[in-house]
């Protein structure tokens, strides 16, 4: 596997089992069409799409990496930790994700209440029209509803105006802790990865603290090349990965078109000097 080109790996993607717009089999089909040879399905706090994805991957002739993306609260920031090569049947991981998903439903109700205060009624009912997994209502589902009903031109505009931190529909929430996320992934035999670190509004000191703490807890890798990173961020996070002895991961963070930063298979190579996470597979 290590001889494969970097762009043939995509280790971060989503299906309708969380906030993607394509079913797992459709994600696999597009990945195969786009030249991806190894794909990780990493739905938010959810493992249920992996069985469907595995059948499709076997038919398409590509390798499926069982994955998940766990929501974490760390020092008042919401972060995401990807788990790669997890055992979907592991009881520690399954029970932890169940607790995290329960928190999502409570937050969705509070978001709807806050949006009603600024004149947007019945937002939760509207968001649910875009939900394919009843156990998981996310901010992205609210965003799609607000775009469809003319409150904003794009999902990003919804976050900028209504759902981002400090905006009228923003509801802070306490997710799993960083050590819990790493523990759940490790218990399931997986590889913990910091997802899209360039998206978090952290100071340089906080970044250093996050990387050192993550490494001490048993963290293994960081996403260096990911859909939302700029070319400058590729280089920055490559250097930090090397500095902290972390492996480098790649992932489009694909949610379906047009709600994705990058299409499947549309990723540049890792910067030189990085150790790819798949070397540990």
C-alpha atoms as a PDB file:
ATOM      1  CA  UNK A   1       0.000   0.000   0.000  1.00  0.00           C
ATOM      2  CA  UNK A   2       2.840   2.410   0.783  1.00  0.00           C
ATOM      3  CA  UNK A   3       3.803   2.490  -2.896  1.00  0.00           C
ATOM      4  CA  UNK A   4       0.509   4.086  -3.882  1.00  0.00           C
ATOM      5  CA  UNK A   5       0.426   7.765  -4.815  1.00  0.00           C
ATOM      6  CA  UNK A   6      -0.806  10.112  -2.103  1.00  0.00           C
ATOM      7  CA  UNK A   7      -3.761  11.336  -4.149  1.00  0.00           C
ATOM      8  CA  UNK A   8      -5.129   7.796  -4.201  1.00  0.00           C
ATOM      9  CA  UNK A   9      -5.892   8.065  -0.486  1.00  0.00           C
ATOM     10  CA  UNK A  10      -8.845   9.989   0.907  1.00  0.00           C
ATOM     11  CA  UNK A  11      -9.119   9.459   4.639  1.00  0.00           C
ATOM     12  CA  UNK A  12     -11.980  11.799   5.572  1.00  0.00           C
ATOM     13  CA  UNK A  13     -15.464  11.672   4.022  1.00  0.00           C
ATOM     14  CA  UNK A  14     -19.135  11.764   5.017  1.00  0.00           C
ATOM     15  CA  UNK A  15     -22.376  10.107   3.983  1.00  0.00           C
ATOM     16  CA  UNK A  16     -26.071  10.540   4.728  1.00  0.00           C
ATOM     17  CA  UNK A  17     -25.502   8.746   8.033  1.00  0.00           C
ATOM     18  CA  UNK A  18     -24.203  12.093   9.323  1.00  0.00           C
ATOM     19  CA  UNK A  19     -24.273  15.339   7.325  1.00  0.00           C
ATOM     20  CA  UNK A  20     -23.277  14.197   3.851  1.00  0.00           C
ATOM     21  CA  UNK A  21     -25.738  14.282   0.959  1.00  0.00           C
ATOM     22  CA  UNK A  22     -24.786  10.947  -0.642  1.00  0.00           C
ATOM     23  CA  UNK A  23     -25.473   7.442   0.643  1.00  0.00           C
ATOM     24  CA  UNK A  24     -22.404   5.382   1.617  1.00  0.00           C
ATOM     25  CA  UNK A  25     -22.590   3.325  -1.569  1.00  0.00           C
ATOM     26  CA  UNK A  26     -22.771   6.525  -3.629  1.00  0.00           C
ATOM     27  CA  UNK A  27     -19.733   7.956  -1.842  1.00  0.00           C
ATOM     28  CA  UNK A  28     -17.825   4.769  -2.612  1.00  0.00           C
ATOM     29  CA  UNK A  29     -18.945   4.856  -6.230  1.00  0.00           C
ATOM     30  CA  UNK A  30     -17.797   8.441  -6.679  1.00  0.00           C
ATOM     31  CA  UNK A  31     -14.497   7.690  -4.963  1.00  0.00           C
ATOM     32  CA  UNK A  32     -13.845   4.815  -7.363  1.00  0.00           C
ATOM     33  CA  UNK A  33     -14.825   6.987 -10.323  1.00  0.00           C
ATOM     34  CA  UNK A  34     -12.423   9.698  -9.131  1.00  0.00           C
ATOM     35  CA  UNK A  35      -9.468   7.351  -8.851  1.00  0.00           C
ATOM     36  CA  UNK A  36      -9.418   6.891  -5.068  1.00  0.00           C
ATOM     37  CA  UNK A  37      -8.002   3.505  -4.107  1.00  0.00           C
ATOM     38  CA  UNK A  38      -8.381   3.726  -0.314  1.00  0.00           C
ATOM     39  CA  UNK A  39     -11.250   5.690   1.253  1.00  0.00           C
ATOM     40  CA  UNK A  40     -12.144   6.272   4.897  1.00  0.00           C
ATOM     41  CA  UNK A  41     -15.811   6.906   5.662  1.00  0.00           C
ATOM     42  CA  UNK A  42     -15.737   9.088   8.784  1.00  0.00           C
ATOM     43  CA  UNK A  43     -19.287  10.097   9.635  1.00  0.00           C
ATOM     44  CA  UNK A  44     -19.803  12.364  12.654  1.00  0.00           C
ATOM     45  CA  UNK A  45     -20.136  10.318  15.856  1.00  0.00           C
ATOM     46  CA  UNK A  46     -21.650   7.500  13.792  1.00  0.00           C
ATOM     47  CA  UNK A  47     -20.572   4.071  12.512  1.00  0.00           C
ATOM     48  CA  UNK A  48     -23.801   2.813  10.938  1.00  0.00           C
ATOM     49  CA  UNK A  49     -22.869   3.597   7.328  1.00  0.00           C
ATOM     50  CA  UNK A  50     -19.779   1.409   7.307  1.00  0.00           C
ATOM     51  CA  UNK A  51     -21.553  -1.875   6.559  1.00  0.00           C
ATOM     52  CA  UNK A  52     -23.176  -0.471   3.410  1.00  0.00           C
ATOM     53  CA  UNK A  53     -19.904   1.182   2.409  1.00  0.00           C
ATOM     54  CA  UNK A  54     -17.989  -2.086   2.796  1.00  0.00           C
ATOM     55  CA  UNK A  55     -20.274  -3.976   0.418  1.00  0.00           C
ATOM     56  CA  UNK A  56     -19.963  -1.189  -2.153  1.00  0.00           C
ATOM     57  CA  UNK A  57     -16.177  -1.003  -1.738  1.00  0.00           C
ATOM     58  CA  UNK A  58     -15.790  -4.720  -2.378  1.00  0.00           C
ATOM     59  CA  UNK A  59     -17.865  -4.374  -5.539  1.00  0.00           C
ATOM     60  CA  UNK A  60     -15.933  -1.289  -6.689  1.00  0.00           C
ATOM     61  CA  UNK A  61     -12.538  -2.791  -5.951  1.00  0.00           C
ATOM     62  CA  UNK A  62     -11.321  -0.098  -3.582  1.00  0.00           C
ATOM     63  CA  UNK A  63     -10.203  -0.395   0.027  1.00  0.00           C
ATOM     64  CA  UNK A  64     -12.539   0.899   2.724  1.00  0.00           C
ATOM     65  CA  UNK A  65     -10.966   2.228   5.909  1.00  0.00           C
ATOM     66  CA  UNK A  66     -13.462   2.004   8.783  1.00  0.00           C
ATOM     67  CA  UNK A  67     -13.545   5.460  10.319  1.00  0.00           C
ATOM     68  CA  UNK A  68     -15.400   7.990  12.445  1.00  0.00           C
ATOM     69  CA  UNK A  69     -15.151  11.705  13.278  1.00  0.00           C
ATOM     70  CA  UNK A  70     -15.697  12.522  16.948  1.00  0.00           C
ATOM     71  CA  UNK A  71     -16.792  15.949  18.189  1.00  0.00           C
ATOM     72  CA  UNK A  72     -14.630  17.179  21.073  1.00  0.00           C
ATOM     73  CA  UNK A  73     -14.684  20.132  23.437  1.00  0.00           C
ATOM     74  CA  UNK A  74     -11.175  21.301  24.338  1.00  0.00           C
ATOM     75  CA  UNK A  75     -10.502  24.536  26.244  1.00  0.00           C
ATOM     76  CA  UNK A  76     -13.784  26.000  25.057  1.00  0.00           C
ATOM     77  CA  UNK A  77     -13.139  25.115  21.407  1.00  0.00           C
ATOM     78  CA  UNK A  78     -14.988  22.494  19.368  1.00  0.00           C
ATOM     79  CA  UNK A  79     -12.498  20.204  17.671  1.00  0.00           C
ATOM     80  CA  UNK A  80     -12.876  17.052  15.591  1.00  0.00           C
ATOM     81  CA  UNK A  81     -10.829  13.895  16.020  1.00  0.00           C
ATOM     82  CA  UNK A  82     -10.916  11.302  13.251  1.00  0.00           C
ATOM     83  CA  UNK A  83     -10.467   7.636  14.064  1.00  0.00           C
ATOM     84  CA  UNK A  84      -9.046   5.461  11.294  1.00  0.00           C
ATOM     85  CA  UNK A  85      -9.148   1.662  11.133  1.00  0.00           C
ATOM     86  CA  UNK A  86     -11.521   1.387  14.084  1.00  0.00           C
ATOM     87  CA  UNK A  87     -13.484  -1.729  14.994  1.00  0.00           C
ATOM     88  CA  UNK A  88     -17.138  -0.698  14.452  1.00  0.00           C
ATOM     89  CA  UNK A  89     -18.277  -3.335  16.956  1.00  0.00           C
ATOM     90  CA  UNK A  90     -16.089  -2.168  19.831  1.00  0.00           C
ATOM     91  CA  UNK A  91     -18.334  -1.517  22.850  1.00  0.00           C
ATOM     92  CA  UNK A  92     -16.211   1.326  24.263  1.00  0.00           C
ATOM     93  CA  UNK A  93     -16.378   3.252  20.991  1.00  0.00           C
ATOM     94  CA  UNK A  94     -20.043   2.456  20.331  1.00  0.00           C
ATOM     95  CA  UNK A  95     -21.205   3.592  23.783  1.00  0.00           C
ATOM     96  CA  UNK A  96     -19.101   6.743  23.680  1.00  0.00           C
ATOM     97  CA  UNK A  97     -20.522   7.772  20.311  1.00  0.00           C
ATOM     98  CA  UNK A  98     -24.044   7.092  21.539  1.00  0.00           C
ATOM     99  CA  UNK A  99     -23.525   9.594  24.364  1.00  0.00           C
ATOM    100  CA  UNK A 100     -22.126  12.197  21.964  1.00  0.00           C
ATOM    101  CA  UNK A 101     -25.082  11.801  19.579  1.00  0.00           C
ATOM    102  CA  UNK A 102     -27.553  12.310  22.418  1.00  0.00           C
ATOM    103  CA  UNK A 103     -26.039  15.734  22.941  1.00  0.00           C
ATOM    104  CA  UNK A 104     -26.633  16.629  19.298  1.00  0.00           C
ATOM    105  CA  UNK A 105     -30.408  16.298  19.611  1.00  0.00           C
ATOM    106  CA  UNK A 106     -30.531  18.599  22.636  1.00  0.00           C
ATOM    107  CA  UNK A 107     -28.399  21.179  20.828  1.00  0.00           C
ATOM    108  CA  UNK A 108     -30.658  21.034  17.752  1.00  0.00           C
ATOM    109  CA  UNK A 109     -33.684  21.980  19.830  1.00  0.00           C
ATOM    110  CA  UNK A 110     -31.815  24.893  21.384  1.00  0.00           C
ATOM    111  CA  UNK A 111     -30.618  26.109  17.980  1.00  0.00           C
ATOM    112  CA  UNK A 112     -34.201  26.144  16.741  1.00  0.00           C
ATOM    113  CA  UNK A 113     -35.280  28.180  19.767  1.00  0.00           C
ATOM    114  CA  UNK A 114     -32.523  30.736  19.198  1.00  0.00           C
ATOM    115  CA  UNK A 115     -33.313  31.068  15.502  1.00  0.00           C
ATOM    116  CA  UNK A 116     -36.981  31.654  16.353  1.00  0.00           C
ATOM    117  CA  UNK A 117     -35.893  34.606  18.497  1.00  0.00           C
ATOM    118  CA  UNK A 118     -34.511  36.326  15.383  1.00  0.00           C
ATOM    119  CA  UNK A 119     -37.579  35.625  13.258  1.00  0.00           C
ATOM    120  CA  UNK A 120     -36.827  32.230  11.735  1.00  0.00           C
ATOM    121  CA  UNK A 121     -39.674  29.926  12.830  1.00  0.00           C
ATOM    122  CA  UNK A 122     -39.836  26.132  12.777  1.00  0.00           C
ATOM    123  CA  UNK A 123     -36.151  25.729  11.922  1.00  0.00           C
ATOM    124  CA  UNK A 124     -35.844  22.311  13.535  1.00  0.00           C
ATOM    125  CA  UNK A 125     -38.790  20.972  11.542  1.00  0.00           C
ATOM    126  CA  UNK A 126     -37.214  22.412   8.403  1.00  0.00           C
ATOM    127  CA  UNK A 127     -33.774  20.985   9.200  1.00  0.00           C
ATOM    128  CA  UNK A 128     -35.236  17.532   9.736  1.00  0.00           C
ATOM    129  CA  UNK A 129     -36.368  17.491   6.120  1.00  0.00           C
ATOM    130  CA  UNK A 130     -32.662  17.274   5.236  1.00  0.00           C
ATOM    131  CA  UNK A 131     -31.803  14.647   7.855  1.00  0.00           C
ATOM    132  CA  UNK A 132     -31.379  11.052   6.732  1.00  0.00           C
ATOM    133  CA  UNK A 133     -30.235   9.725  10.113  1.00  0.00           C
ATOM    134  CA  UNK A 134     -32.853  10.710  12.738  1.00  0.00           C
ATOM    135  CA  UNK A 135     -30.275  10.228  15.492  1.00  0.00           C
ATOM    136  CA  UNK A 136     -28.101  13.011  14.143  1.00  0.00           C
ATOM    137  CA  UNK A 137     -29.318  16.540  13.446  1.00  0.00           C
ATOM    138  CA  UNK A 138     -26.374  18.834  12.747  1.00  0.00           C
ATOM    139  CA  UNK A 139     -25.838  22.522  12.105  1.00  0.00           C
ATOM    140  CA  UNK A 140     -25.269  21.640   8.444  1.00  0.00           C
ATOM    141  CA  UNK A 141     -28.863  20.408   8.198  1.00  0.00           C
ATOM    142  CA  UNK A 142     -30.066  23.746   9.582  1.00  0.00           C
ATOM    143  CA  UNK A 143     -27.826  25.520   7.090  1.00  0.00           C
ATOM    144  CA  UNK A 144     -29.258  23.617   4.138  1.00  0.00           C
ATOM    145  CA  UNK A 145     -32.791  24.482   5.232  1.00  0.00           C
ATOM    146  CA  UNK A 146     -31.948  28.183   5.617  1.00  0.00           C
ATOM    147  CA  UNK A 147     -30.408  28.259   2.143  1.00  0.00           C
ATOM    148  CA  UNK A 148     -33.433  26.508   0.634  1.00  0.00           C
ATOM    149  CA  UNK A 149     -35.807  28.996   2.245  1.00  0.00           C
ATOM    150  CA  UNK A 150     -33.834  32.057   1.167  1.00  0.00           C
ATOM    151  CA  UNK A 151     -32.266  33.149   4.454  1.00  0.00           C
ATOM    152  CA  UNK A 152     -28.769  32.905   2.961  1.00  0.00           C
ATOM    153  CA  UNK A 153     -27.113  32.176  -0.374  1.00  0.00           C
ATOM    154  CA  UNK A 154     -24.866  29.328   0.787  1.00  0.00           C
ATOM    155  CA  UNK A 155     -24.307  27.051   3.737  1.00  0.00           C
ATOM    156  CA  UNK A 156     -21.124  28.958   4.564  1.00  0.00           C
ATOM    157  CA  UNK A 157     -23.107  32.210   4.583  1.00  0.00           C
ATOM    158  CA  UNK A 158     -25.517  30.631   7.088  1.00  0.00           C
ATOM    159  CA  UNK A 159     -22.636  29.845   9.434  1.00  0.00           C
ATOM    160  CA  UNK A 160     -21.215  33.354   8.962  1.00  0.00           C
ATOM    161  CA  UNK A 161     -24.550  35.031   9.751  1.00  0.00           C
ATOM    162  CA  UNK A 162     -26.478  32.661  12.018  1.00  0.00           C
ATOM    163  CA  UNK A 163     -24.727  29.534  13.253  1.00  0.00           C
ATOM    164  CA  UNK A 164     -21.078  30.423  13.837  1.00  0.00           C
ATOM    165  CA  UNK A 165     -19.681  31.362  17.231  1.00  0.00           C
ATOM    166  CA  UNK A 166     -21.197  34.603  18.496  1.00  0.00           C
ATOM    167  CA  UNK A 167     -24.044  34.567  15.963  1.00  0.00           C
ATOM    168  CA  UNK A 168     -27.783  34.500  16.817  1.00  0.00           C
ATOM    169  CA  UNK A 169     -28.273  30.763  16.299  1.00  0.00           C
ATOM    170  CA  UNK A 170     -25.018  29.628  17.856  1.00  0.00           C
ATOM    171  CA  UNK A 171     -25.457  27.282  20.809  1.00  0.00           C
ATOM    172  CA  UNK A 172     -22.348  26.254  22.734  1.00  0.00           C
ATOM    173  CA  UNK A 173     -22.238  22.598  23.622  1.00  0.00           C
ATOM    174  CA  UNK A 174     -19.995  20.311  25.634  1.00  0.00           C
ATOM    175  CA  UNK A 175     -18.908  17.310  23.574  1.00  0.00           C
ATOM    176  CA  UNK A 176     -16.554  14.482  24.506  1.00  0.00           C
ATOM    177  CA  UNK A 177     -13.204  15.440  25.999  1.00  0.00           C
ATOM    178  CA  UNK A 178     -10.021  15.052  23.992  1.00  0.00           C
ATOM    179  CA  UNK A 179      -8.814  12.216  26.182  1.00  0.00           C
ATOM    180  CA  UNK A 180     -12.170  10.423  25.833  1.00  0.00           C
ATOM    181  CA  UNK A 181     -12.056  10.622  22.030  1.00  0.00           C
ATOM    182  CA  UNK A 182      -8.508   9.283  21.905  1.00  0.00           C
ATOM    183  CA  UNK A 183      -9.411   6.577  24.430  1.00  0.00           C
ATOM    184  CA  UNK A 184     -12.475   5.437  22.446  1.00  0.00           C
ATOM    185  CA  UNK A 185     -10.539   5.268  19.176  1.00  0.00           C
ATOM    186  CA  UNK A 186      -7.568   3.498  20.742  1.00  0.00           C
ATOM    187  CA  UNK A 187      -9.837   0.985  22.507  1.00  0.00           C
ATOM    188  CA  UNK A 188     -11.314   0.166  19.104  1.00  0.00           C
ATOM    189  CA  UNK A 189      -7.832  -0.501  17.708  1.00  0.00           C
ATOM    190  CA  UNK A 190      -7.890   2.709  15.666  1.00  0.00           C
ATOM    191  CA  UNK A 191      -5.559   5.583  14.847  1.00  0.00           C
ATOM    192  CA  UNK A 192      -6.505   8.987  16.359  1.00  0.00           C
ATOM    193  CA  UNK A 193      -6.057  11.915  13.957  1.00  0.00           C
ATOM    194  CA  UNK A 194      -6.616  15.651  14.513  1.00  0.00           C
ATOM    195  CA  UNK A 195      -9.001  16.664  11.726  1.00  0.00           C
ATOM    196  CA  UNK A 196      -8.480  19.864   9.656  1.00  0.00           C
ATOM    197  CA  UNK A 197      -6.446  21.699  12.352  1.00  0.00           C
ATOM    198  CA  UNK A 198      -6.214  24.862  10.262  1.00  0.00           C
ATOM    199  CA  UNK A 199      -9.939  25.501  10.753  1.00  0.00           C
ATOM    200  CA  UNK A 200      -9.704  26.014  14.506  1.00  0.00           C
ATOM    201  CA  UNK A 201      -9.289  29.540  15.808  1.00  0.00           C
ATOM    202  CA  UNK A 202      -6.412  28.733  18.141  1.00  0.00           C
ATOM    203  CA  UNK A 203      -3.487  30.869  19.199  1.00  0.00           C
ATOM    204  CA  UNK A 204       0.002  29.608  18.485  1.00  0.00           C
ATOM    205  CA  UNK A 205       0.368  28.657  22.146  1.00  0.00           C
ATOM    206  CA  UNK A 206      -2.934  26.748  22.019  1.00  0.00           C
ATOM    207  CA  UNK A 207      -1.826  24.905  18.902  1.00  0.00           C
ATOM    208  CA  UNK A 208       1.362  23.814  20.617  1.00  0.00           C
ATOM    209  CA  UNK A 209      -0.575  22.753  23.699  1.00  0.00           C
ATOM    210  CA  UNK A 210      -3.068  20.803  21.594  1.00  0.00           C
ATOM    211  CA  UNK A 211      -0.366  18.958  19.686  1.00  0.00           C
ATOM    212  CA  UNK A 212       1.675  18.109  22.778  1.00  0.00           C
ATOM    213  CA  UNK A 213      -1.398  17.038  24.773  1.00  0.00           C
ATOM    214  CA  UNK A 214      -2.767  14.975  21.883  1.00  0.00           C
ATOM    215  CA  UNK A 215       0.581  13.252  21.458  1.00  0.00           C
ATOM    216  CA  UNK A 216       0.838  12.516  25.202  1.00  0.00           C
ATOM    217  CA  UNK A 217      -2.666  11.003  25.219  1.00  0.00           C
ATOM    218  CA  UNK A 218      -1.722   8.584  22.449  1.00  0.00           C
ATOM    219  CA  UNK A 219      -2.610  10.624  19.374  1.00  0.00           C
ATOM    220  CA  UNK A 220      -0.928   9.381  16.220  1.00  0.00           C
ATOM    221  CA  UNK A 221      -1.553  11.731  13.291  1.00  0.00           C
ATOM    222  CA  UNK A 222      -2.735  15.119  12.077  1.00  0.00           C
ATOM    223  CA  UNK A 223      -4.483  16.026   8.819  1.00  0.00           C
ATOM    224  CA  UNK A 224      -1.927  17.984   6.819  1.00  0.00           C
ATOM    225  CA  UNK A 225      -3.594  17.996   3.405  1.00  0.00           C
ATOM    226  CA  UNK A 226      -7.333  18.445   3.777  1.00  0.00           C
ATOM    227  CA  UNK A 227     -10.081  20.150   1.825  1.00  0.00           C
ATOM    228  CA  UNK A 228     -10.271  23.349   3.880  1.00  0.00           C
ATOM    229  CA  UNK A 229      -6.512  23.943   4.164  1.00  0.00           C
ATOM    230  CA  UNK A 230      -4.669  26.422   1.952  1.00  0.00           C
ATOM    231  CA  UNK A 231      -1.317  25.553   0.331  1.00  0.00           C
ATOM    232  CA  UNK A 232       0.440  27.583   3.025  1.00  0.00           C
ATOM    233  CA  UNK A 233      -1.333  25.531   5.678  1.00  0.00           C
ATOM    234  CA  UNK A 234      -0.140  22.315   4.051  1.00  0.00           C
ATOM    235  CA  UNK A 235       3.411  23.402   4.724  1.00  0.00           C
ATOM    236  CA  UNK A 236       2.719  24.741   8.199  1.00  0.00           C
ATOM    237  CA  UNK A 237       0.997  21.595   9.436  1.00  0.00           C
ATOM    238  CA  UNK A 238       3.570  19.376   7.758  1.00  0.00           C
ATOM    239  CA  UNK A 239       6.249  21.115   9.814  1.00  0.00           C
ATOM    240  CA  UNK A 240       4.233  20.783  13.002  1.00  0.00           C
ATOM    241  CA  UNK A 241       3.592  17.092  12.360  1.00  0.00           C
ATOM    242  CA  UNK A 242       7.306  16.483  11.910  1.00  0.00           C
ATOM    243  CA  UNK A 243       8.153  18.587  14.972  1.00  0.00           C
ATOM    244  CA  UNK A 244       5.791  16.653  17.227  1.00  0.00           C
ATOM    245  CA  UNK A 245       6.484  13.226  15.771  1.00  0.00           C
ATOM    246  CA  UNK A 246       2.990  12.821  14.342  1.00  0.00           C
ATOM    247  CA  UNK A 247       2.090  11.033  11.126  1.00  0.00           C
ATOM    248  CA  UNK A 248       0.465  13.016   8.316  1.00  0.00           C
ATOM    249  CA  UNK A 249      -3.030  12.268   6.991  1.00  0.00           C
ATOM    250  CA  UNK A 250      -4.931  13.428   3.904  1.00  0.00           C
ATOM    251  CA  UNK A 251      -8.675  13.828   3.458  1.00  0.00           C
ATOM    252  CA  UNK A 252     -11.056  15.885   1.371  1.00  0.00           C
ATOM    253  CA  UNK A 253     -13.723  16.126   4.119  1.00  0.00           C
ATOM    254  CA  UNK A 254     -16.160  15.334   1.312  1.00  0.00           C
ATOM    255  CA  UNK A 255     -19.857  15.884   2.072  1.00  0.00           C
ATOM    256  CA  UNK A 256     -21.176  15.782  -1.494  1.00  0.00           C
ATOM    257  CA  UNK A 257     -21.461  18.558  -4.034  1.00  0.00           C
ATOM    258  CA  UNK A 258     -21.697  21.501  -3.726  1.00  0.00           C
ATOM    259  CA  UNK A 259     -21.168  21.368   0.058  1.00  0.00           C
ATOM    260  CA  UNK A 260     -17.530  20.277  -0.042  1.00  0.00           C
ATOM    261  CA  UNK A 261     -14.213  22.080  -0.025  1.00  0.00           C
ATOM    262  CA  UNK A 262     -12.778  19.422  -2.341  1.00  0.00           C
ATOM    263  CA  UNK A 263     -14.107  16.585  -4.425  1.00  0.00           C
ATOM    264  CA  UNK A 264     -13.037  13.019  -3.703  1.00  0.00           C
ATOM    265  CA  UNK A 265      -9.599  12.278  -5.120  1.00  0.00           C
ATOM    266  CA  UNK A 266      -8.851  15.970  -5.604  1.00  0.00           C
ATOM    267  CA  UNK A 267      -5.944  16.270  -3.173  1.00  0.00           C
ATOM    268  CA  UNK A 268      -2.306  17.237  -3.789  1.00  0.00           C
ATOM    269  CA  UNK A 269       0.574  15.119  -2.476  1.00  0.00           C
ATOM    270  CA  UNK A 270       1.823  15.458   1.077  1.00  0.00           C
ATOM    271  CA  UNK A 271       4.716  17.888   1.502  1.00  0.00           C
ATOM    272  CA  UNK A 272       8.128  16.239   1.530  1.00  0.00           C
ATOM    273  CA  UNK A 273       9.415  14.995   4.861  1.00  0.00           C
ATOM    274  CA  UNK A 274       6.041  13.870   6.195  1.00  0.00           C
ATOM    275  CA  UNK A 275       5.454  10.282   7.235  1.00  0.00           C
ATOM    276  CA  UNK A 276       2.094   9.196   5.786  1.00  0.00           C
ATOM    277  CA  UNK A 277      -0.365   7.742   8.250  1.00  0.00           C
ATOM    278  CA  UNK A 278      -0.993   4.765   5.964  1.00  0.00           C
ATOM    279  CA  UNK A 279       2.536   3.537   6.684  1.00  0.00           C
ATOM    280  CA  UNK A 280       1.088   2.364  10.003  1.00  0.00           C
ATOM    281  CA  UNK A 281      -1.787   0.465   8.385  1.00  0.00           C
END
